[in-house]
């Protein structure tokens, strides 16, 4: 397979889209359900303002109101998102009500997390997030078993949806729990590594589920959920070793409404970049599924092994038995996938489809990451008096931006396709991971409040 896909390919792009069920992802015309969804969100926003408006400043109220039409628009583009927002919101409100002991929702007692059965085992933030972790791991296993059993693949999809619900509920309830701990403690749960790990896992899974529906294939679930499971492993390790799940007051630099915009936009970029990398891995597996020349697989294995080694490097400055085991299992999984590339490759979508998903994910991620970078500069000017100070985190964010800008430029201007694009997307995850974690581990600067 050459680096540039040509018109002489056996399967055209349009045929590949049709064969993969692309039509399932097309948005329909607006109907009464969209109006009902808008009204429901409007009522919810009004209720939130009436109950918790005292804890919001003017900017936060504006963000809440702007979220209503934004969610309506996104729900129109992708109908399942409406169900996610409504169900997760209702369940989170139920958990808040349980904390109140049946009183007003503006009241509550955090100690009820240990005495109320549903809170203790299901709906407190930590319980919900642990359920998310377990469900993501089970979903990963189910997706891989799905290569032999379609029923297992269907279960993988259902478990992934359940994990997404659990993660969103956990974040929403954690938001309320912070306020129950004290008036100066409550904040949106995107302020530290523990919280953004949860956000990253949820966003990556949500985008995958969008593409799963759009292209009517569950064959990519095992690949994408591998990176999500890696995040889960790191999340659990980080929580156990650093007690990171505890809600802490914000440091002064984070007491800004800019955080509510910058961090989610940033992690939409991170999540879609991770997704594109795993689709790139699937592309290389598919491409080499018929080859018997093992030397062609060496670059794929080496790159996969390096990715498996990254948490090992970031986890501790010293040798860690946990991450040595993780690296060994990860490298074994990569090797097993390459060894079974034949049957796996036959179940994967056409190369044209994989290439298209990779492009769409990077394009979406680049757009959001660009917005996040601009918002970060504005936040820096507000907090530190300068838009850009070449802080290590800022520098590596620029490197990530330039990497994907170059990828998109080469695709749109030079027709980059196929093998080179897949390798580049996979290598891009190394750069993104270092910007996400490595900077926090090895480099100090203005963003040192996020260190491991």
Foldseek 3Di string as FASTA:
>chain_A
DDQFDDPPDPADLVNLLVVLQLVLQAFDDDDVVLVVLLVVLVVVLVVCCVQPVVLDDPVVNVVSVVVSVVQSVVCRSPVVSSVLVVVLVVLLQVVLCVQQVNDDSSHGALVCCVVPVCSVQPQALVNLQVLLLVLLVQLLVLLVCCLVPVVSLVVSLVSLVSSLSSLSSSQSNVQVSLVNVDSQQHDRQQQAPLSVLSVLLNLLSVLVSSVCSSRVASLLVNLSSVVSNVSSLVNVVCCVPVVVVDRGGHDPLPPDPLCVQLRNLLSLLLSLLSSLLSLLLLLLLLVCLPPPPCVSCVVSLVLQLVVQCVCQVLVDVDGDPSSVVSSVVSSVVSVVCSVNSNSSSVRDRDSSSSFVSSVVSLVSSLVSLVVSLQSCLVSCCVRPVGSDDVAVLNVLSVVLNVLSVVLVCCCVPVVRTGNVSSVSSNVSNVSSVCSSGVCLRPPDDPPVVHHD
